[in-house]
């Protein structure tokens, strides 16, 4: 049984992006999840969606990303729309302060550098149509994953709209509840009088244990479900990185990173940053802006 207690943060259990955004909730969870494991499945992955939560994702100890093959076609959809759409910041201020100002070229380089790390794994579900979305947080600090802690299951993809603005429906499940979470005042109108009487006869610890059991069972089923699809999925890390590199080269006119190119050698063609003043692309794999930025963050 998981004995690591998460931070006691009073958060709603229903995330619809109207009262509380999924982005805000992920920021709170990831801020206290450094060095631990996360399983994530989504049907759409866009640059700006990833950029919103990248600081928290970069602190993970292990990440398994499960995608359908169609996700390859969606990485570029949202940036093209978001470049000319102004969104009202959420009052919480949880949005990444740089994400809305960075160009897609910078975000592509940063995402490629992130995916190239050993503790980040990517697989594609190709044995069946896949339309699932979930976040599974573990107390474990490696790939063993025996202590599920929190799960978010719902309709949001890892896109800017899915995290911030769409009217979504996501449910958050905590393995650990507090006495305040199950206070009798919260249960009025939900239970019959006889049931309330039985609860009053129980100790607080007994009520807390009884309240946890449904979530523990759910987390067990969710982790088993993810493990099943992960086992039957195909390795997609190189495939996703290649897709991003190709998209960077073809759409933005930037050359692919050349491993054999001498450090400091000029790149072929005219990079976009020389015309628009954006962050430069390096000519070598070892010295890319994104990798330097990630190293500094670590």
C-alpha atoms as a PDB file:
ATOM      1  CA  UNK A   1       0.000   0.000   0.000  1.00  0.00           C
ATOM      2  CA  UNK A   2       1.279   3.448  -0.863  1.00  0.00           C
ATOM      3  CA  UNK A   3       2.431   5.258   2.278  1.00  0.00           C
ATOM      4  CA  UNK A   4       3.807   8.411   0.649  1.00  0.00           C
ATOM      5  CA  UNK A   5       1.357  11.220   1.338  1.00  0.00           C
ATOM      6  CA  UNK A   6       0.816  13.865  -1.364  1.00  0.00           C
ATOM      7  CA  UNK A   7       0.625  17.550  -0.418  1.00  0.00           C
ATOM      8  CA  UNK A   8      -2.665  18.442   1.228  1.00  0.00           C
ATOM      9  CA  UNK A   9      -4.088  20.753  -1.422  1.00  0.00           C
ATOM     10  CA  UNK A  10      -7.821  21.347  -1.483  1.00  0.00           C
ATOM     11  CA  UNK A  11      -8.664  20.912  -5.161  1.00  0.00           C
ATOM     12  CA  UNK A  12     -11.949  20.151  -6.865  1.00  0.00           C
ATOM     13  CA  UNK A  13     -12.535  16.635  -8.156  1.00  0.00           C
ATOM     14  CA  UNK A  14     -14.233  17.801 -11.364  1.00  0.00           C
ATOM     15  CA  UNK A  15     -12.127  19.717 -13.887  1.00  0.00           C
ATOM     16  CA  UNK A  16     -14.126  21.336 -16.695  1.00  0.00           C
ATOM     17  CA  UNK A  17     -11.859  24.315 -17.559  1.00  0.00           C
ATOM     18  CA  UNK A  18     -14.659  26.612 -16.459  1.00  0.00           C
ATOM     19  CA  UNK A  19     -14.146  26.832 -12.688  1.00  0.00           C
ATOM     20  CA  UNK A  20     -10.769  25.098 -12.599  1.00  0.00           C
ATOM     21  CA  UNK A  21      -8.577  24.302 -15.590  1.00  0.00           C
ATOM     22  CA  UNK A  22      -6.787  21.033 -16.093  1.00  0.00           C
ATOM     23  CA  UNK A  23      -3.647  23.089 -16.695  1.00  0.00           C
ATOM     24  CA  UNK A  24      -3.869  24.642 -13.229  1.00  0.00           C
ATOM     25  CA  UNK A  25      -4.390  21.260 -11.563  1.00  0.00           C
ATOM     26  CA  UNK A  26      -1.478  19.656 -13.437  1.00  0.00           C
ATOM     27  CA  UNK A  27       0.783  22.490 -12.315  1.00  0.00           C
ATOM     28  CA  UNK A  28      -0.107  21.818  -8.671  1.00  0.00           C
ATOM     29  CA  UNK A  29       0.410  18.065  -9.006  1.00  0.00           C
ATOM     30  CA  UNK A  30       3.639  18.232 -11.008  1.00  0.00           C
ATOM     31  CA  UNK A  31       5.130  20.815  -8.652  1.00  0.00           C
ATOM     32  CA  UNK A  32       5.136  18.125  -5.942  1.00  0.00           C
ATOM     33  CA  UNK A  33       6.012  15.199  -8.230  1.00  0.00           C
ATOM     34  CA  UNK A  34       9.666  15.837  -9.058  1.00  0.00           C
ATOM     35  CA  UNK A  35      11.685  12.678  -9.555  1.00  0.00           C
ATOM     36  CA  UNK A  36       8.626  10.402  -9.645  1.00  0.00           C
ATOM     37  CA  UNK A  37       6.884   8.447 -12.379  1.00  0.00           C
ATOM     38  CA  UNK A  38       4.013   9.457 -14.648  1.00  0.00           C
ATOM     39  CA  UNK A  39       2.025   7.558 -17.287  1.00  0.00           C
ATOM     40  CA  UNK A  40       0.311   9.754 -19.855  1.00  0.00           C
ATOM     41  CA  UNK A  41      -1.913   8.856 -22.779  1.00  0.00           C
ATOM     42  CA  UNK A  42      -3.490  11.347 -25.164  1.00  0.00           C
ATOM     43  CA  UNK A  43      -4.896  11.290 -28.682  1.00  0.00           C
ATOM     44  CA  UNK A  44      -3.502  14.724 -29.568  1.00  0.00           C
ATOM     45  CA  UNK A  45      -0.153  16.215 -28.653  1.00  0.00           C
ATOM     46  CA  UNK A  46       0.573  19.777 -29.745  1.00  0.00           C
ATOM     47  CA  UNK A  47       3.563  21.995 -29.144  1.00  0.00           C
ATOM     48  CA  UNK A  48       1.711  24.608 -27.141  1.00  0.00           C
ATOM     49  CA  UNK A  49      -0.083  21.996 -25.070  1.00  0.00           C
ATOM     50  CA  UNK A  50       3.243  20.442 -24.110  1.00  0.00           C
ATOM     51  CA  UNK A  51       4.817  23.860 -23.508  1.00  0.00           C
ATOM     52  CA  UNK A  52       2.173  24.711 -20.905  1.00  0.00           C
ATOM     53  CA  UNK A  53       3.240  21.860 -18.599  1.00  0.00           C
ATOM     54  CA  UNK A  54       6.811  21.250 -19.738  1.00  0.00           C
ATOM     55  CA  UNK A  55       8.484  22.627 -16.595  1.00  0.00           C
ATOM     56  CA  UNK A  56       6.721  20.024 -14.472  1.00  0.00           C
ATOM     57  CA  UNK A  57       7.277  17.234 -16.990  1.00  0.00           C
ATOM     58  CA  UNK A  58      10.994  18.009 -17.154  1.00  0.00           C
ATOM     59  CA  UNK A  59      11.330  17.279 -13.430  1.00  0.00           C
ATOM     60  CA  UNK A  60       9.879  13.755 -13.649  1.00  0.00           C
ATOM     61  CA  UNK A  61      11.954  10.710 -12.822  1.00  0.00           C
ATOM     62  CA  UNK A  62      10.276   8.595 -15.515  1.00  0.00           C
ATOM     63  CA  UNK A  63       7.623   9.285 -18.153  1.00  0.00           C
ATOM     64  CA  UNK A  64       5.749   6.817 -20.365  1.00  0.00           C
ATOM     65  CA  UNK A  65       3.869   8.534 -23.200  1.00  0.00           C
ATOM     66  CA  UNK A  66       1.242   6.424 -24.972  1.00  0.00           C
ATOM     67  CA  UNK A  67      -0.161   7.708 -28.277  1.00  0.00           C
ATOM     68  CA  UNK A  68      -2.190   6.559 -31.266  1.00  0.00           C
ATOM     69  CA  UNK A  69      -0.393   6.817 -34.641  1.00  0.00           C
ATOM     70  CA  UNK A  70      -2.780   9.632 -35.610  1.00  0.00           C
ATOM     71  CA  UNK A  71      -1.101  11.820 -32.991  1.00  0.00           C
ATOM     72  CA  UNK A  72       1.755  12.302 -35.455  1.00  0.00           C
ATOM     73  CA  UNK A  73      -0.558  14.323 -37.677  1.00  0.00           C
ATOM     74  CA  UNK A  74      -1.708  16.600 -34.859  1.00  0.00           C
ATOM     75  CA  UNK A  75       1.543  17.948 -33.430  1.00  0.00           C
ATOM     76  CA  UNK A  76       1.492  20.801 -35.924  1.00  0.00           C
ATOM     77  CA  UNK A  77      -2.220  21.644 -35.961  1.00  0.00           C
ATOM     78  CA  UNK A  78      -2.535  23.863 -32.921  1.00  0.00           C
ATOM     79  CA  UNK A  79       0.557  26.069 -33.330  1.00  0.00           C
ATOM     80  CA  UNK A  80      -0.707  27.243 -36.722  1.00  0.00           C
ATOM     81  CA  UNK A  81      -3.971  28.376 -35.115  1.00  0.00           C
ATOM     82  CA  UNK A  82      -2.537  29.761 -31.902  1.00  0.00           C
ATOM     83  CA  UNK A  83      -0.067  32.097 -33.589  1.00  0.00           C
ATOM     84  CA  UNK A  84      -2.896  34.507 -34.339  1.00  0.00           C
ATOM     85  CA  UNK A  85      -5.262  33.790 -31.446  1.00  0.00           C
ATOM     86  CA  UNK A  86      -5.046  35.737 -28.196  1.00  0.00           C
ATOM     87  CA  UNK A  87      -6.291  33.861 -25.142  1.00  0.00           C
ATOM     88  CA  UNK A  88      -7.254  35.481 -21.858  1.00  0.00           C
ATOM     89  CA  UNK A  89      -4.874  34.283 -19.117  1.00  0.00           C
ATOM     90  CA  UNK A  90      -6.458  32.236 -16.357  1.00  0.00           C
ATOM     91  CA  UNK A  91      -6.751  34.153 -13.047  1.00  0.00           C
ATOM     92  CA  UNK A  92      -4.527  31.604 -11.332  1.00  0.00           C
ATOM     93  CA  UNK A  93      -1.613  32.653 -13.507  1.00  0.00           C
ATOM     94  CA  UNK A  94      -0.720  28.979 -13.915  1.00  0.00           C
ATOM     95  CA  UNK A  95       0.105  29.282 -17.597  1.00  0.00           C
ATOM     96  CA  UNK A  96       3.778  28.982 -18.460  1.00  0.00           C
ATOM     97  CA  UNK A  97       5.018  32.618 -18.684  1.00  0.00           C
ATOM     98  CA  UNK A  98       7.176  31.914 -21.729  1.00  0.00           C
ATOM     99  CA  UNK A  99       4.948  29.431 -23.571  1.00  0.00           C
ATOM    100  CA  UNK A 100       2.669  32.031 -25.141  1.00  0.00           C
ATOM    101  CA  UNK A 101       5.623  34.138 -26.309  1.00  0.00           C
ATOM    102  CA  UNK A 102       7.838  31.444 -27.799  1.00  0.00           C
ATOM    103  CA  UNK A 103       7.674  30.580 -31.462  1.00  0.00           C
ATOM    104  CA  UNK A 104       6.853  27.042 -32.617  1.00  0.00           C
ATOM    105  CA  UNK A 105      10.438  26.575 -33.822  1.00  0.00           C
ATOM    106  CA  UNK A 106      11.773  27.038 -30.281  1.00  0.00           C
ATOM    107  CA  UNK A 107       9.088  24.730 -28.893  1.00  0.00           C
ATOM    108  CA  UNK A 108       9.932  22.004 -31.423  1.00  0.00           C
ATOM    109  CA  UNK A 109      13.619  22.075 -30.455  1.00  0.00           C
ATOM    110  CA  UNK A 110      12.752  21.979 -26.757  1.00  0.00           C
ATOM    111  CA  UNK A 111      10.352  19.047 -27.222  1.00  0.00           C
ATOM    112  CA  UNK A 112      12.906  17.098 -29.272  1.00  0.00           C
ATOM    113  CA  UNK A 113      15.542  17.598 -26.571  1.00  0.00           C
ATOM    114  CA  UNK A 114      13.051  16.482 -23.925  1.00  0.00           C
ATOM    115  CA  UNK A 115      12.120  13.307 -25.825  1.00  0.00           C
ATOM    116  CA  UNK A 116      15.757  12.360 -26.373  1.00  0.00           C
ATOM    117  CA  UNK A 117      16.307  11.774 -22.639  1.00  0.00           C
ATOM    118  CA  UNK A 118      16.636   8.188 -21.435  1.00  0.00           C
ATOM    119  CA  UNK A 119      13.888   8.420 -18.818  1.00  0.00           C
ATOM    120  CA  UNK A 120      11.292   9.487 -21.411  1.00  0.00           C
ATOM    121  CA  UNK A 121       9.622   6.579 -23.247  1.00  0.00           C
ATOM    122  CA  UNK A 122       7.151   6.763 -26.142  1.00  0.00           C
ATOM    123  CA  UNK A 123       4.993   4.028 -27.639  1.00  0.00           C
ATOM    124  CA  UNK A 124       2.232   3.921 -30.259  1.00  0.00           C
ATOM    125  CA  UNK A 125      -0.943   1.862 -29.873  1.00  0.00           C
ATOM    126  CA  UNK A 126      -1.452   0.240 -33.259  1.00  0.00           C
ATOM    127  CA  UNK A 127      -3.219  -2.997 -32.349  1.00  0.00           C
ATOM    128  CA  UNK A 128      -6.562  -1.269 -31.779  1.00  0.00           C
ATOM    129  CA  UNK A 129      -8.231   2.123 -32.340  1.00  0.00           C
ATOM    130  CA  UNK A 130      -7.092   4.250 -29.401  1.00  0.00           C
ATOM    131  CA  UNK A 131      -9.017   7.239 -28.082  1.00  0.00           C
ATOM    132  CA  UNK A 132      -8.079   7.336 -24.384  1.00  0.00           C
ATOM    133  CA  UNK A 133      -6.805  10.214 -22.277  1.00  0.00           C
ATOM    134  CA  UNK A 134      -5.393   9.945 -18.765  1.00  0.00           C
ATOM    135  CA  UNK A 135      -2.634  10.995 -16.382  1.00  0.00           C
ATOM    136  CA  UNK A 136      -1.437   8.406 -13.844  1.00  0.00           C
ATOM    137  CA  UNK A 137       0.848   9.720 -11.093  1.00  0.00           C
ATOM    138  CA  UNK A 138       2.975   7.262  -9.094  1.00  0.00           C
ATOM    139  CA  UNK A 139       4.871   7.691  -5.848  1.00  0.00           C
ATOM    140  CA  UNK A 140       7.615   5.514  -7.344  1.00  0.00           C
ATOM    141  CA  UNK A 141      10.824   7.195  -8.492  1.00  0.00           C
ATOM    142  CA  UNK A 142      11.613   4.695 -11.244  1.00  0.00           C
ATOM    143  CA  UNK A 143       9.850   2.568 -13.845  1.00  0.00           C
ATOM    144  CA  UNK A 144       8.558  -0.067 -11.394  1.00  0.00           C
ATOM    145  CA  UNK A 145       5.231   1.692 -10.745  1.00  0.00           C
ATOM    146  CA  UNK A 146       3.796  -0.146  -7.774  1.00  0.00           C
ATOM    147  CA  UNK A 147       2.387   2.847  -5.889  1.00  0.00           C
ATOM    148  CA  UNK A 148      -0.306   4.701  -7.896  1.00  0.00           C
ATOM    149  CA  UNK A 149      -1.087   7.987  -6.200  1.00  0.00           C
ATOM    150  CA  UNK A 150      -3.386  10.119  -8.347  1.00  0.00           C
ATOM    151  CA  UNK A 151      -5.248   9.662 -11.621  1.00  0.00           C
ATOM    152  CA  UNK A 152      -6.946  12.109 -13.963  1.00  0.00           C
ATOM    153  CA  UNK A 153      -9.268  10.578 -16.551  1.00  0.00           C
ATOM    154  CA  UNK A 154     -11.417  12.558 -18.944  1.00  0.00           C
ATOM    155  CA  UNK A 155     -11.772  14.265 -22.279  1.00  0.00           C
ATOM    156  CA  UNK A 156      -8.796  16.650 -22.430  1.00  0.00           C
ATOM    157  CA  UNK A 157      -5.941  16.085 -24.841  1.00  0.00           C
ATOM    158  CA  UNK A 158      -2.482  17.532 -24.312  1.00  0.00           C
ATOM    159  CA  UNK A 159      -3.304  20.671 -26.288  1.00  0.00           C
ATOM    160  CA  UNK A 160      -3.599  24.280 -25.259  1.00  0.00           C
ATOM    161  CA  UNK A 161      -7.353  24.248 -25.791  1.00  0.00           C
ATOM    162  CA  UNK A 162      -7.737  20.942 -23.939  1.00  0.00           C
ATOM    163  CA  UNK A 163      -5.811  22.257 -20.938  1.00  0.00           C
ATOM    164  CA  UNK A 164      -7.198  25.783 -20.819  1.00  0.00           C
ATOM    165  CA  UNK A 165     -10.240  26.765 -22.822  1.00  0.00           C
ATOM    166  CA  UNK A 166     -12.377  23.883 -24.082  1.00  0.00           C
ATOM    167  CA  UNK A 167     -15.398  22.885 -22.001  1.00  0.00           C
ATOM    168  CA  UNK A 168     -13.977  19.526 -20.938  1.00  0.00           C
ATOM    169  CA  UNK A 169     -14.908  16.878 -18.382  1.00  0.00           C
ATOM    170  CA  UNK A 170     -12.051  15.389 -16.358  1.00  0.00           C
ATOM    171  CA  UNK A 171     -12.282  13.557 -13.045  1.00  0.00           C
ATOM    172  CA  UNK A 172      -9.408  13.464 -10.546  1.00  0.00           C
ATOM    173  CA  UNK A 173      -8.994  10.492  -8.207  1.00  0.00           C
ATOM    174  CA  UNK A 174      -6.716  10.615  -5.132  1.00  0.00           C
ATOM    175  CA  UNK A 175      -5.452   7.501  -3.385  1.00  0.00           C
ATOM    176  CA  UNK A 176      -5.193   9.512  -0.177  1.00  0.00           C
ATOM    177  CA  UNK A 177      -8.036  11.488   1.359  1.00  0.00           C
ATOM    178  CA  UNK A 178      -8.056  13.698   4.427  1.00  0.00           C
ATOM    179  CA  UNK A 179     -10.570  13.707   7.261  1.00  0.00           C
ATOM    180  CA  UNK A 180     -11.878  16.999   5.888  1.00  0.00           C
ATOM    181  CA  UNK A 181     -12.513  15.392   2.504  1.00  0.00           C
ATOM    182  CA  UNK A 182     -14.992  12.948   4.029  1.00  0.00           C
ATOM    183  CA  UNK A 183     -16.459  15.198   6.737  1.00  0.00           C
ATOM    184  CA  UNK A 184     -20.103  14.356   7.387  1.00  0.00           C
ATOM    185  CA  UNK A 185     -21.114  17.879   6.399  1.00  0.00           C
ATOM    186  CA  UNK A 186     -20.072  17.032   2.838  1.00  0.00           C
ATOM    187  CA  UNK A 187     -22.205  13.885   2.823  1.00  0.00           C
ATOM    188  CA  UNK A 188     -25.527  15.414   3.818  1.00  0.00           C
ATOM    189  CA  UNK A 189     -28.101  14.725   1.163  1.00  0.00           C
ATOM    190  CA  UNK A 190     -25.970  11.945  -0.308  1.00  0.00           C
ATOM    191  CA  UNK A 191     -26.688   9.247   2.249  1.00  0.00           C
ATOM    192  CA  UNK A 192     -29.792   7.872   3.876  1.00  0.00           C
ATOM    193  CA  UNK A 193     -30.266   8.515   7.587  1.00  0.00           C
ATOM    194  CA  UNK A 194     -29.456   4.910   8.433  1.00  0.00           C
ATOM    195  CA  UNK A 195     -26.186   5.137   6.516  1.00  0.00           C
ATOM    196  CA  UNK A 196     -25.215   8.344   8.289  1.00  0.00           C
ATOM    197  CA  UNK A 197     -25.951   6.653  11.602  1.00  0.00           C
ATOM    198  CA  UNK A 198     -23.614   3.792  10.707  1.00  0.00           C
ATOM    199  CA  UNK A 199     -20.881   6.248   9.786  1.00  0.00           C
ATOM    200  CA  UNK A 200     -21.234   8.018  13.105  1.00  0.00           C
ATOM    201  CA  UNK A 201     -20.602   4.705  14.837  1.00  0.00           C
ATOM    202  CA  UNK A 202     -17.287   4.316  13.004  1.00  0.00           C
ATOM    203  CA  UNK A 203     -14.056   5.965  14.008  1.00  0.00           C
ATOM    204  CA  UNK A 204     -12.539   8.626  11.750  1.00  0.00           C
ATOM    205  CA  UNK A 205      -9.827   6.204  10.655  1.00  0.00           C
ATOM    206  CA  UNK A 206     -12.413   3.563   9.753  1.00  0.00           C
ATOM    207  CA  UNK A 207     -14.380   6.095   7.684  1.00  0.00           C
ATOM    208  CA  UNK A 208     -11.202   7.236   5.967  1.00  0.00           C
ATOM    209  CA  UNK A 209     -10.207   3.696   5.042  1.00  0.00           C
ATOM    210  CA  UNK A 210     -13.701   2.916   3.726  1.00  0.00           C
ATOM    211  CA  UNK A 211     -13.670   6.062   1.600  1.00  0.00           C
ATOM    212  CA  UNK A 212     -10.280   5.195   0.087  1.00  0.00           C
ATOM    213  CA  UNK A 213     -11.157   1.686  -1.051  1.00  0.00           C
ATOM    214  CA  UNK A 214     -13.137   2.604  -4.222  1.00  0.00           C
ATOM    215  CA  UNK A 215     -10.327   4.885  -5.435  1.00  0.00           C
ATOM    216  CA  UNK A 216      -7.644   2.297  -4.668  1.00  0.00           C
ATOM    217  CA  UNK A 217      -9.593  -0.271  -6.692  1.00  0.00           C
ATOM    218  CA  UNK A 218      -9.988   2.203  -9.543  1.00  0.00           C
ATOM    219  CA  UNK A 219      -6.287   3.054  -9.551  1.00  0.00           C
ATOM    220  CA  UNK A 220      -5.444  -0.637  -9.646  1.00  0.00           C
ATOM    221  CA  UNK A 221      -7.673  -1.128 -12.699  1.00  0.00           C
ATOM    222  CA  UNK A 222      -6.269   1.974 -14.411  1.00  0.00           C
ATOM    223  CA  UNK A 223      -2.648   0.964 -13.923  1.00  0.00           C
ATOM    224  CA  UNK A 224      -3.414  -2.562 -15.169  1.00  0.00           C
ATOM    225  CA  UNK A 225      -5.198  -1.107 -18.199  1.00  0.00           C
ATOM    226  CA  UNK A 226      -2.260   1.161 -19.046  1.00  0.00           C
ATOM    227  CA  UNK A 227       0.271  -1.630 -18.560  1.00  0.00           C
ATOM    228  CA  UNK A 228      -1.696  -3.870 -20.951  1.00  0.00           C
ATOM    229  CA  UNK A 229      -1.752  -1.299 -23.753  1.00  0.00           C
ATOM    230  CA  UNK A 230       1.864  -0.345 -23.091  1.00  0.00           C
ATOM    231  CA  UNK A 231       2.975  -3.965 -23.384  1.00  0.00           C
ATOM    232  CA  UNK A 232       1.252  -4.379 -26.759  1.00  0.00           C
ATOM    233  CA  UNK A 233       2.305  -0.982 -28.139  1.00  0.00           C
ATOM    234  CA  UNK A 234       5.277  -0.397 -30.441  1.00  0.00           C
ATOM    235  CA  UNK A 235       8.289   1.764 -29.669  1.00  0.00           C
ATOM    236  CA  UNK A 236       7.626   5.203 -31.118  1.00  0.00           C
ATOM    237  CA  UNK A 237      10.275   7.469 -29.639  1.00  0.00           C
ATOM    238  CA  UNK A 238      12.486   7.684 -32.725  1.00  0.00           C
ATOM    239  CA  UNK A 239       9.399   7.935 -34.908  1.00  0.00           C
ATOM    240  CA  UNK A 240       8.033  10.932 -32.989  1.00  0.00           C
ATOM    241  CA  UNK A 241      11.394  12.696 -32.893  1.00  0.00           C
ATOM    242  CA  UNK A 242      11.882  12.166 -36.630  1.00  0.00           C
ATOM    243  CA  UNK A 243       8.404  13.530 -37.293  1.00  0.00           C
ATOM    244  CA  UNK A 244       9.176  16.670 -35.288  1.00  0.00           C
ATOM    245  CA  UNK A 245      12.523  17.156 -37.035  1.00  0.00           C
ATOM    246  CA  UNK A 246      10.898  16.758 -40.435  1.00  0.00           C
ATOM    247  CA  UNK A 247       8.148  19.192 -39.524  1.00  0.00           C
ATOM    248  CA  UNK A 248      10.738  21.693 -38.331  1.00  0.00           C
ATOM    249  CA  UNK A 249      12.714  21.397 -41.547  1.00  0.00           C
ATOM    250  CA  UNK A 250       9.839  21.408 -44.035  1.00  0.00           C
ATOM    251  CA  UNK A 251       7.484  23.969 -42.559  1.00  0.00           C
ATOM    252  CA  UNK A 252       9.910  26.486 -41.095  1.00  0.00           C
ATOM    253  CA  UNK A 253      12.668  26.131 -43.647  1.00  0.00           C
ATOM    254  CA  UNK A 254      15.181  25.164 -40.967  1.00  0.00           C
ATOM    255  CA  UNK A 255      17.719  22.405 -41.693  1.00  0.00           C
ATOM    256  CA  UNK A 256      17.718  19.183 -39.705  1.00  0.00           C
ATOM    257  CA  UNK A 257      20.398  18.932 -37.039  1.00  0.00           C
ATOM    258  CA  UNK A 258      23.531  17.366 -38.489  1.00  0.00           C
ATOM    259  CA  UNK A 259      25.554  15.227 -36.075  1.00  0.00           C
ATOM    260  CA  UNK A 260      28.638  15.321 -38.317  1.00  0.00           C
ATOM    261  CA  UNK A 261      28.639  19.064 -38.893  1.00  0.00           C
ATOM    262  CA  UNK A 262      31.609  20.806 -37.206  1.00  0.00           C
ATOM    263  CA  UNK A 263      30.698  23.018 -34.253  1.00  0.00           C
ATOM    264  CA  UNK A 264      30.145  26.586 -35.331  1.00  0.00           C
ATOM    265  CA  UNK A 265      29.890  25.738 -39.049  1.00  0.00           C
ATOM    266  CA  UNK A 266      27.255  27.788 -40.901  1.00  0.00           C
ATOM    267  CA  UNK A 267      24.008  26.018 -41.726  1.00  0.00           C
ATOM    268  CA  UNK A 268      22.730  25.749 -45.250  1.00  0.00           C
ATOM    269  CA  UNK A 269      20.014  28.198 -46.214  1.00  0.00           C
ATOM    270  CA  UNK A 270      18.856  31.228 -44.278  1.00  0.00           C
ATOM    271  CA  UNK A 271      17.547  30.349 -40.776  1.00  0.00           C
ATOM    272  CA  UNK A 272      14.353  32.028 -39.741  1.00  0.00           C
ATOM    273  CA  UNK A 273      15.864  33.685 -36.695  1.00  0.00           C
ATOM    274  CA  UNK A 274      18.042  35.860 -38.921  1.00  0.00           C
ATOM    275  CA  UNK A 275      14.947  37.252 -40.571  1.00  0.00           C
ATOM    276  CA  UNK A 276      12.578  37.407 -37.596  1.00  0.00           C
ATOM    277  CA  UNK A 277      14.842  37.649 -34.570  1.00  0.00           C
ATOM    278  CA  UNK A 278      13.711  34.393 -32.965  1.00  0.00           C
ATOM    279  CA  UNK A 279      15.924  32.155 -30.846  1.00  0.00           C
ATOM    280  CA  UNK A 280      18.739  30.650 -32.967  1.00  0.00           C
ATOM    281  CA  UNK A 281      19.071  27.044 -33.984  1.00  0.00           C
ATOM    282  CA  UNK A 282      22.455  25.495 -33.491  1.00  0.00           C
ATOM    283  CA  UNK A 283      24.334  23.547 -36.100  1.00  0.00           C
ATOM    284  CA  UNK A 284      25.174  20.557 -33.924  1.00  0.00           C
ATOM    285  CA  UNK A 285      23.211  18.091 -31.869  1.00  0.00           C
ATOM    286  CA  UNK A 286      25.353  18.663 -28.768  1.00  0.00           C
ATOM    287  CA  UNK A 287      24.789  22.408 -28.712  1.00  0.00           C
ATOM    288  CA  UNK A 288      21.130  22.934 -29.504  1.00  0.00           C
ATOM    289  CA  UNK A 289      19.388  25.785 -27.707  1.00  0.00           C
ATOM    290  CA  UNK A 290      16.785  23.409 -26.285  1.00  0.00           C
ATOM    291  CA  UNK A 291      19.323  21.045 -24.735  1.00  0.00           C
ATOM    292  CA  UNK A 292      21.240  23.936 -23.197  1.00  0.00           C
ATOM    293  CA  UNK A 293      17.994  25.321 -21.812  1.00  0.00           C
ATOM    294  CA  UNK A 294      17.010  21.953 -20.358  1.00  0.00           C
ATOM    295  CA  UNK A 295      20.422  21.549 -18.744  1.00  0.00           C
ATOM    296  CA  UNK A 296      20.073  24.932 -17.116  1.00  0.00           C
ATOM    297  CA  UNK A 297      16.589  24.080 -15.830  1.00  0.00           C
ATOM    298  CA  UNK A 298      17.867  20.839 -14.314  1.00  0.00           C
END
